[in-house]
Amino acid sequence: MVSQKGSHVKFARSDGSSIRTAIVPRHREIAVGTLRSILRQAGLTPDEFDDL
């Protein structure tokens, strides 16, 4: 976690040559499309996300 503002959290990860960031809403439930978008921004596949 990099930072938090209101109900959203900012995450970042480095893949060696660049840094990817994703803004994630802090709600009990996240819509499927929102989760897919977050995973795409983070450069994660659904399987990689499940392994976290």
Protein backbone atom coordinates (compact mmCIF):
# COMPACT_ATOMS: atom_id res chain seq x y z
CA MET A 1 0.00 0.00 0.00
CA VAL A 2 1.39 3.36 -1.03
CA SER A 3 -1.29 5.71 0.26
CA GLN A 4 -4.94 6.07 1.18
CA LYS A 5 -7.33 8.91 0.51
CA GLY A 6 -10.90 8.59 1.69
CA SER A 7 -12.33 5.23 0.68
CA HIS A 8 -9.63 4.40 -1.90
CA VAL A 9 -6.19 2.81 -1.47
CA LYS A 10 -3.25 3.14 -3.85
CA PHE A 11 -1.03 0.09 -4.37
CA ALA A 12 2.19 -0.08 -6.38
CA ARG A 13 4.48 -2.85 -7.53
CA SER A 14 7.66 -2.90 -9.57
CA ASP A 15 8.11 -5.37 -12.41
CA GLY A 16 11.79 -4.56 -12.79
CA SER A 17 11.63 -1.93 -15.53
CA SER A 18 8.57 0.05 -14.44
CA ILE A 19 6.24 0.65 -11.53
CA ARG A 20 2.56 -0.26 -11.85
CA THR A 21 -0.03 1.40 -9.64
CA ALA A 22 -3.64 0.52 -9.00
CA ILE A 23 -6.31 2.46 -7.14
CA VAL A 24 -8.60 0.12 -5.19
CA PRO A 25 -11.88 1.14 -3.55
CA ARG A 26 -12.18 0.03 0.09
CA HIS A 27 -15.67 -1.41 0.06
CA ARG A 28 -16.99 -4.75 1.30
CA GLU A 29 -17.85 -5.76 -2.27
CA ILE A 30 -16.27 -4.68 -5.53
CA ALA A 31 -18.07 -5.06 -8.85
CA VAL A 32 -16.63 -7.74 -11.16
CA GLY A 33 -15.77 -5.22 -13.87
CA THR A 34 -14.00 -2.99 -11.34
CA LEU A 35 -11.94 -5.93 -10.07
CA ARG A 36 -10.99 -6.91 -13.63
CA SER A 37 -9.89 -3.34 -14.32
CA ILE A 38 -7.79 -3.25 -11.13
CA LEU A 39 -6.12 -6.55 -12.05
CA ARG A 40 -5.41 -5.31 -15.57
CA GLN A 41 -3.86 -2.09 -14.19
CA ALA A 42 -1.75 -4.11 -11.75
CA GLY A 43 -0.60 -6.49 -14.49
CA LEU A 44 -2.05 -9.52 -12.70
CA THR A 45 -4.02 -12.42 -14.09
CA PRO A 46 -6.99 -13.75 -12.10
CA ASP A 47 -4.91 -16.84 -11.23
CA GLU A 48 -2.04 -14.70 -9.91
CA PHE A 49 -4.54 -12.74 -7.83
CA ASP A 50 -5.95 -15.97 -6.38
CA ASP A 51 -2.43 -17.03 -5.37
CA LEU A 52 -1.86 -13.88 -3.30
